[in-house]
Amino acid sequence: MDQKDSDHRYLAEFREVTSLNVPAGKEVFRERSTSVCLAPDGSFYRLFRKYSGEKDTYAVGYYDWNNRYIRIEYISIGRNQFESVQAAFGHIAWETLLMQENRIMLHASFMQTPYGGIAFSGPSGIGKA
């Protein structure tokens, strides 16, 4: 692999722990199953919940973009939350990682542009969408 390809590598570690150590921080975004929090040092972390209650937090995601390292710590009740590739990408903040690299993820079969439409076609399962 040449240097250009390796510049875009990240290490994502999923680690089962006996208890979650949630850092002190300010919640800046919340949805039903995820909160994004800002730590005092300016970094951010995510809390993952099975339900809407704080007591249902099953994982904490830590993101070190400068060192290209992502760590997800989870307790045993959250183990099954990582069974699909889609779930794993959601936990590692894939959309934020792509933004750090000035890239986007497109989930579509058709795009409208100022110059006309672009359609994506091909056999099922090859990753068009």
N, C-alpha and C. Protein backbone atom coordinates (compact mmCIF):
# COMPACT_ATOMS: atom_id res chain seq x y z
N MET A 1 0.84 -1.18 0.00
CA MET A 1 0.00 0.00 0.00
C MET A 1 0.89 1.24 0.00
N ASP A 2 0.57 2.17 -0.86
CA ASP A 2 1.40 3.38 -0.90
C ASP A 2 0.99 4.36 0.20
N GLN A 3 1.80 5.38 0.40
CA GLN A 3 1.59 6.34 1.48
C GLN A 3 0.25 7.05 1.35
N LYS A 4 -0.16 7.37 0.12
CA LYS A 4 -1.41 8.07 -0.09
C LYS A 4 -2.59 7.29 0.49
N ASP A 5 -2.62 5.98 0.25
CA ASP A 5 -3.70 5.15 0.78
C ASP A 5 -3.65 5.07 2.30
N SER A 6 -2.47 4.94 2.87
CA SER A 6 -2.36 4.78 4.31
C SER A 6 -2.69 6.06 5.07
N ASP A 7 -2.67 7.23 4.40
CA ASP A 7 -3.01 8.48 5.06
C ASP A 7 -4.46 8.51 5.54
N HIS A 8 -5.30 7.66 5.01
CA HIS A 8 -6.72 7.68 5.35
C HIS A 8 -7.12 6.52 6.25
N ARG A 9 -6.17 5.92 6.91
CA ARG A 9 -6.48 4.81 7.80
C ARG A 9 -6.78 5.29 9.21
N TYR A 10 -7.74 4.65 9.82
CA TYR A 10 -8.09 4.90 11.21
C TYR A 10 -8.11 3.55 11.92
N LEU A 11 -7.81 3.57 13.19
CA LEU A 11 -7.93 2.37 14.00
C LEU A 11 -9.17 2.52 14.87
N ALA A 12 -10.10 1.60 14.73
CA ALA A 12 -11.31 1.59 15.55
C ALA A 12 -11.27 0.35 16.43
N GLU A 13 -11.33 0.57 17.72
CA GLU A 13 -11.26 -0.53 18.69
C GLU A 13 -12.58 -0.62 19.45
N PHE A 14 -13.13 -1.81 19.50
CA PHE A 14 -14.34 -2.08 20.28
C PHE A 14 -13.90 -2.90 21.48
N ARG A 15 -14.13 -2.37 22.68
CA ARG A 15 -13.62 -3.00 23.89
C ARG A 15 -14.75 -3.22 24.89
N GLU A 16 -14.98 -4.48 25.28
CA GLU A 16 -15.97 -4.75 26.32
C GLU A 16 -15.34 -4.49 27.68
N VAL A 17 -16.07 -3.75 28.52
CA VAL A 17 -15.58 -3.39 29.85
C VAL A 17 -16.64 -3.80 30.88
N THR A 18 -16.24 -3.88 32.13
CA THR A 18 -17.19 -4.28 33.18
C THR A 18 -18.10 -3.13 33.60
N SER A 19 -17.61 -1.89 33.47
CA SER A 19 -18.45 -0.72 33.77
C SER A 19 -17.99 0.44 32.89
N LEU A 20 -18.90 1.37 32.65
CA LEU A 20 -18.59 2.52 31.80
C LEU A 20 -18.10 3.68 32.65
N ASN A 21 -17.02 4.29 32.21
CA ASN A 21 -16.49 5.48 32.84
C ASN A 21 -16.87 6.66 31.95
N VAL A 22 -17.98 7.32 32.28
CA VAL A 22 -18.47 8.42 31.46
C VAL A 22 -17.76 9.70 31.89
N PRO A 23 -17.05 10.35 30.97
CA PRO A 23 -16.33 11.57 31.33
C PRO A 23 -17.28 12.72 31.66
N ALA A 24 -16.77 13.69 32.40
CA ALA A 24 -17.53 14.92 32.63
C ALA A 24 -17.56 15.68 31.32
N GLY A 25 -18.67 16.25 31.00
CA GLY A 25 -18.77 17.01 29.76
C GLY A 25 -20.15 17.60 29.60
N LYS A 26 -20.31 18.39 28.57
CA LYS A 26 -21.57 19.07 28.30
C LYS A 26 -22.24 18.40 27.10
N GLU A 27 -23.48 18.01 27.28
CA GLU A 27 -24.24 17.43 26.17
C GLU A 27 -24.57 18.54 25.18
N VAL A 28 -24.20 18.33 23.90
CA VAL A 28 -24.47 19.34 22.88
C VAL A 28 -25.49 18.86 21.85
N PHE A 29 -25.78 17.58 21.83
CA PHE A 29 -26.78 17.02 20.92
C PHE A 29 -27.34 15.77 21.54
N ARG A 30 -28.65 15.57 21.38
CA ARG A 30 -29.28 14.37 21.93
C ARG A 30 -30.39 13.92 21.00
N GLU A 31 -30.41 12.63 20.75
CA GLU A 31 -31.53 12.00 20.09
C GLU A 31 -31.93 10.80 20.93
N ARG A 32 -32.85 10.01 20.49
CA ARG A 32 -33.39 8.93 21.32
C ARG A 32 -32.31 7.99 21.84
N SER A 33 -31.36 7.61 20.99
CA SER A 33 -30.40 6.59 21.40
C SER A 33 -28.96 7.07 21.47
N THR A 34 -28.70 8.34 21.19
CA THR A 34 -27.32 8.84 21.16
C THR A 34 -27.26 10.25 21.71
N SER A 35 -26.19 10.53 22.45
CA SER A 35 -25.88 11.90 22.86
C SER A 35 -24.46 12.19 22.42
N VAL A 36 -24.22 13.40 21.98
CA VAL A 36 -22.87 13.86 21.68
C VAL A 36 -22.52 14.86 22.77
N CYS A 37 -21.37 14.66 23.40
CA CYS A 37 -20.95 15.49 24.52
C CYS A 37 -19.58 16.09 24.23
N LEU A 38 -19.39 17.30 24.73
CA LEU A 38 -18.13 18.01 24.59
C LEU A 38 -17.37 17.89 25.90
N ALA A 39 -16.16 17.33 25.84
CA ALA A 39 -15.32 17.18 27.03
C ALA A 39 -14.62 18.51 27.34
N PRO A 40 -14.17 18.69 28.57
CA PRO A 40 -13.49 19.94 28.94
C PRO A 40 -12.26 20.25 28.07
N ASP A 41 -11.61 19.22 27.52
CA ASP A 41 -10.42 19.46 26.69
C ASP A 41 -10.76 19.81 25.24
N GLY A 42 -12.06 19.91 24.91
CA GLY A 42 -12.47 20.28 23.56
C GLY A 42 -12.78 19.09 22.66
N SER A 43 -12.43 17.89 23.08
CA SER A 43 -12.76 16.71 22.30
C SER A 43 -14.23 16.35 22.52
N PHE A 44 -14.73 15.45 21.71
CA PHE A 44 -16.10 15.04 21.94
C PHE A 44 -16.17 13.54 22.14
N TYR A 45 -17.23 13.11 22.76
CA TYR A 45 -17.49 11.69 22.92
C TYR A 45 -18.98 11.47 22.74
N ARG A 46 -19.36 10.23 22.50
CA ARG A 46 -20.75 9.88 22.31
C ARG A 46 -21.19 8.86 23.35
N LEU A 47 -22.41 9.03 23.81
CA LEU A 47 -23.05 8.05 24.68
C LEU A 47 -24.11 7.33 23.86
N PHE A 48 -24.16 6.03 23.98
CA PHE A 48 -25.13 5.22 23.24
C PHE A 48 -26.08 4.56 24.22
N ARG A 49 -27.37 4.68 23.95
CA ARG A 49 -28.40 4.12 24.81
C ARG A 49 -29.30 3.18 24.01
N LYS A 50 -29.76 2.13 24.67
CA LYS A 50 -30.74 1.25 24.03
C LYS A 50 -32.10 1.92 23.97
N TYR A 51 -32.41 2.69 24.98
CA TYR A 51 -33.68 3.39 25.09
C TYR A 51 -33.39 4.83 25.40
N SER A 52 -34.38 5.59 25.78
CA SER A 52 -34.15 7.02 25.98
C SER A 52 -33.62 7.38 27.36
N GLY A 53 -33.53 6.44 28.29
CA GLY A 53 -33.10 6.77 29.64
C GLY A 53 -31.59 6.72 29.82
N GLU A 54 -31.06 7.58 30.67
CA GLU A 54 -29.63 7.60 30.95
C GLU A 54 -29.15 6.26 31.50
N LYS A 55 -29.97 5.61 32.30
CA LYS A 55 -29.56 4.34 32.91
C LYS A 55 -29.37 3.24 31.88
N ASP A 56 -29.85 3.47 30.66
CA ASP A 56 -29.73 2.46 29.61
C ASP A 56 -28.49 2.65 28.74
N THR A 57 -27.55 3.49 29.15
CA THR A 57 -26.32 3.70 28.38
C THR A 57 -25.52 2.40 28.35
N TYR A 58 -25.22 1.92 27.15
CA TYR A 58 -24.47 0.67 27.02
C TYR A 58 -23.08 0.87 26.45
N ALA A 59 -22.77 2.08 25.92
CA ALA A 59 -21.45 2.29 25.32
C ALA A 59 -21.08 3.77 25.34
N VAL A 60 -19.76 4.01 25.33
CA VAL A 60 -19.21 5.35 25.20
C VAL A 60 -18.20 5.30 24.07
N GLY A 61 -18.30 6.25 23.16
CA GLY A 61 -17.34 6.34 22.04
C GLY A 61 -16.41 7.51 22.24
N TYR A 62 -15.11 7.25 22.11
CA TYR A 62 -14.07 8.27 22.24
C TYR A 62 -13.40 8.44 20.87
N TYR A 63 -13.17 9.68 20.45
CA TYR A 63 -12.70 9.96 19.10
C TYR A 63 -11.48 10.86 19.14
N ASP A 64 -10.34 10.32 18.74
CA ASP A 64 -9.09 11.09 18.68
C ASP A 64 -8.74 11.24 17.19
N TRP A 65 -9.26 12.31 16.57
CA TRP A 65 -9.08 12.48 15.14
C TRP A 65 -7.62 12.74 14.78
N ASN A 66 -6.88 13.44 15.63
CA ASN A 66 -5.48 13.75 15.32
C ASN A 66 -4.64 12.49 15.21
N ASN A 67 -4.89 11.52 16.07
CA ASN A 67 -4.13 10.26 16.03
C ASN A 67 -4.87 9.16 15.29
N ARG A 68 -6.01 9.50 14.69
CA ARG A 68 -6.79 8.56 13.88
C ARG A 68 -7.16 7.30 14.66
N TYR A 69 -7.64 7.54 15.87
CA TYR A 69 -7.97 6.44 16.77
C TYR A 69 -9.37 6.62 17.34
N ILE A 70 -10.17 5.58 17.27
CA ILE A 70 -11.52 5.58 17.79
C ILE A 70 -11.65 4.39 18.73
N ARG A 71 -12.17 4.64 19.92
CA ARG A 71 -12.36 3.56 20.89
C ARG A 71 -13.81 3.57 21.36
N ILE A 72 -14.45 2.43 21.25
CA ILE A 72 -15.81 2.27 21.74
C ILE A 72 -15.74 1.29 22.90
N GLU A 73 -16.10 1.76 24.08
CA GLU A 73 -16.17 0.88 25.25
C GLU A 73 -17.63 0.57 25.52
N TYR A 74 -17.92 -0.69 25.74
CA TYR A 74 -19.31 -1.09 25.97
C TYR A 74 -19.39 -2.14 27.06
N ILE A 75 -20.54 -2.19 27.72
CA ILE A 75 -20.78 -3.21 28.73
C ILE A 75 -21.53 -4.37 28.07
N SER A 76 -21.58 -5.50 28.73
CA SER A 76 -22.08 -6.72 28.12
C SER A 76 -23.50 -6.60 27.57
N ILE A 77 -24.37 -5.80 28.19
CA ILE A 77 -25.74 -5.68 27.68
C ILE A 77 -25.77 -5.02 26.30
N GLY A 78 -24.70 -4.39 25.89
CA GLY A 78 -24.65 -3.73 24.58
C GLY A 78 -23.96 -4.55 23.50
N ARG A 79 -23.47 -5.72 23.84
CA ARG A 79 -22.70 -6.54 22.90
C ARG A 79 -23.43 -6.76 21.57
N ASN A 80 -24.72 -7.04 21.63
CA ASN A 80 -25.45 -7.33 20.39
C ASN A 80 -25.70 -6.08 19.54
N GLN A 81 -25.37 -4.91 20.04
CA GLN A 81 -25.54 -3.67 19.27
C GLN A 81 -24.48 -3.51 18.18
N PHE A 82 -23.50 -4.41 18.14
CA PHE A 82 -22.40 -4.31 17.18
C PHE A 82 -22.41 -5.46 16.17
N GLU A 83 -23.54 -6.12 16.02
CA GLU A 83 -23.60 -7.31 15.18
C GLU A 83 -23.59 -7.02 13.69
N SER A 84 -23.96 -5.83 13.27
CA SER A 84 -23.97 -5.54 11.84
C SER A 84 -22.89 -4.51 11.51
N VAL A 85 -22.46 -4.52 10.27
CA VAL A 85 -21.47 -3.54 9.81
C VAL A 85 -22.06 -2.14 9.92
N GLN A 86 -23.33 -1.99 9.57
CA GLN A 86 -23.98 -0.69 9.65
C GLN A 86 -23.93 -0.15 11.08
N ALA A 87 -24.21 -0.99 12.05
CA ALA A 87 -24.17 -0.55 13.45
C ALA A 87 -22.75 -0.17 13.86
N ALA A 88 -21.77 -0.94 13.43
CA ALA A 88 -20.38 -0.61 13.77
C ALA A 88 -19.98 0.74 13.19
N PHE A 89 -20.33 1.02 11.94
CA PHE A 89 -20.02 2.32 11.34
C PHE A 89 -20.73 3.45 12.08
N GLY A 90 -21.96 3.22 12.50
CA GLY A 90 -22.68 4.24 13.26
C GLY A 90 -22.00 4.56 14.58
N HIS A 91 -21.47 3.55 15.24
CA HIS A 91 -20.80 3.77 16.52
C HIS A 91 -19.45 4.48 16.37
N ILE A 92 -18.76 4.26 15.28
CA ILE A 92 -17.45 4.92 15.13
C ILE A 92 -17.57 6.33 14.56
N ALA A 93 -18.80 6.82 14.39
CA ALA A 93 -19.04 8.18 13.88
C ALA A 93 -18.49 8.31 12.46
N TRP A 94 -18.83 7.36 11.63
CA TRP A 94 -18.35 7.31 10.25
C TRP A 94 -18.58 8.63 9.52
N GLU A 95 -19.75 9.24 9.71
CA GLU A 95 -20.05 10.49 9.01
C GLU A 95 -19.08 11.59 9.42
N THR A 96 -18.69 11.64 10.70
CA THR A 96 -17.74 12.65 11.17
C THR A 96 -16.34 12.35 10.65
N LEU A 97 -15.99 11.09 10.63
CA LEU A 97 -14.69 10.69 10.09
C LEU A 97 -14.57 11.13 8.64
N LEU A 98 -15.61 10.90 7.84
CA LEU A 98 -15.57 11.32 6.44
C LEU A 98 -15.46 12.83 6.31
N MET A 99 -16.15 13.58 7.16
CA MET A 99 -16.05 15.04 7.11
C MET A 99 -14.64 15.50 7.43
N GLN A 100 -13.97 14.81 8.36
CA GLN A 100 -12.58 15.15 8.70
C GLN A 100 -11.68 15.01 7.48
N GLU A 101 -12.03 14.11 6.57
CA GLU A 101 -11.24 13.84 5.37
C GLU A 101 -11.78 14.58 4.14
N ASN A 102 -12.72 15.52 4.36
CA ASN A 102 -13.37 16.25 3.27
C ASN A 102 -14.01 15.31 2.26
N ARG A 103 -14.70 14.30 2.79
CA ARG A 103 -15.40 13.33 1.96
C ARG A 103 -16.84 13.24 2.44
N ILE A 104 -17.68 12.63 1.63
CA ILE A 104 -19.07 12.41 2.02
C ILE A 104 -19.46 10.97 1.70
N MET A 105 -20.50 10.51 2.34
CA MET A 105 -21.08 9.22 1.99
C MET A 105 -22.40 9.51 1.31
N LEU A 106 -22.59 8.92 0.16
CA LEU A 106 -23.81 9.13 -0.60
C LEU A 106 -24.63 7.85 -0.56
N HIS A 107 -25.85 7.97 -0.13
CA HIS A 107 -26.77 6.84 -0.12
C HIS A 107 -27.92 7.19 -1.06
N ALA A 108 -27.76 6.83 -2.33
CA ALA A 108 -28.77 7.20 -3.31
C ALA A 108 -28.60 6.35 -4.56
N SER A 109 -29.65 6.29 -5.36
CA SER A 109 -29.56 5.64 -6.65
C SER A 109 -29.63 6.68 -7.77
N PHE A 110 -29.94 7.92 -7.40
CA PHE A 110 -30.06 8.99 -8.38
C PHE A 110 -29.69 10.30 -7.71
N MET A 111 -29.00 11.16 -8.44
CA MET A 111 -28.65 12.50 -7.95
C MET A 111 -29.03 13.53 -8.98
N GLN A 112 -29.65 14.61 -8.55
CA GLN A 112 -29.94 15.72 -9.45
C GLN A 112 -28.79 16.72 -9.35
N THR A 113 -28.25 17.15 -10.47
CA THR A 113 -27.19 18.15 -10.50
C THR A 113 -27.63 19.31 -11.38
N PRO A 114 -26.93 20.43 -11.36
CA PRO A 114 -27.28 21.54 -12.25
C PRO A 114 -27.17 21.16 -13.73
N TYR A 115 -26.46 20.08 -14.02
CA TYR A 115 -26.23 19.66 -15.41
C TYR A 115 -27.12 18.49 -15.82
N GLY A 116 -27.99 18.06 -14.94
CA GLY A 116 -28.87 16.92 -15.23
C GLY A 116 -28.75 15.90 -14.13
N GLY A 117 -29.33 14.75 -14.35
CA GLY A 117 -29.32 13.70 -13.34
C GLY A 117 -28.20 12.71 -13.54
N ILE A 118 -27.80 12.07 -12.46
CA ILE A 118 -26.82 10.99 -12.49
C ILE A 118 -27.48 9.79 -11.85
N ALA A 119 -27.55 8.69 -12.58
CA ALA A 119 -28.15 7.46 -12.05
C ALA A 119 -27.04 6.44 -11.81
N PHE A 120 -27.16 5.69 -10.72
CA PHE A 120 -26.20 4.65 -10.39
C PHE A 120 -26.87 3.31 -10.67
N SER A 121 -26.21 2.47 -11.45
CA SER A 121 -26.81 1.16 -11.75
C SER A 121 -25.74 0.09 -11.68
N GLY A 122 -26.18 -1.13 -11.51
CA GLY A 122 -25.29 -2.27 -11.44
C GLY A 122 -25.98 -3.41 -10.73
N PRO A 123 -25.30 -4.57 -10.68
CA PRO A 123 -25.89 -5.74 -10.02
C PRO A 123 -26.17 -5.48 -8.53
N SER A 124 -27.17 -6.16 -8.02
CA SER A 124 -27.52 -6.05 -6.62
C SER A 124 -26.35 -6.45 -5.73
N GLY A 125 -26.13 -5.69 -4.66
CA GLY A 125 -25.13 -6.05 -3.65
C GLY A 125 -23.73 -5.53 -3.90
N ILE A 126 -23.50 -4.72 -4.95
CA ILE A 126 -22.14 -4.27 -5.20
C ILE A 126 -21.81 -2.93 -4.56
N GLY A 127 -22.78 -2.34 -3.84
CA GLY A 127 -22.48 -1.12 -3.11
C GLY A 127 -22.86 0.17 -3.80
N LYS A 128 -23.94 0.16 -4.53
CA LYS A 128 -24.39 1.40 -5.20
C LYS A 128 -24.98 2.38 -4.20
N ALA A 129 -25.62 1.86 -3.17
CA ALA A 129 -26.32 2.76 -2.25
C ALA A 129 -25.81 2.63 -0.85
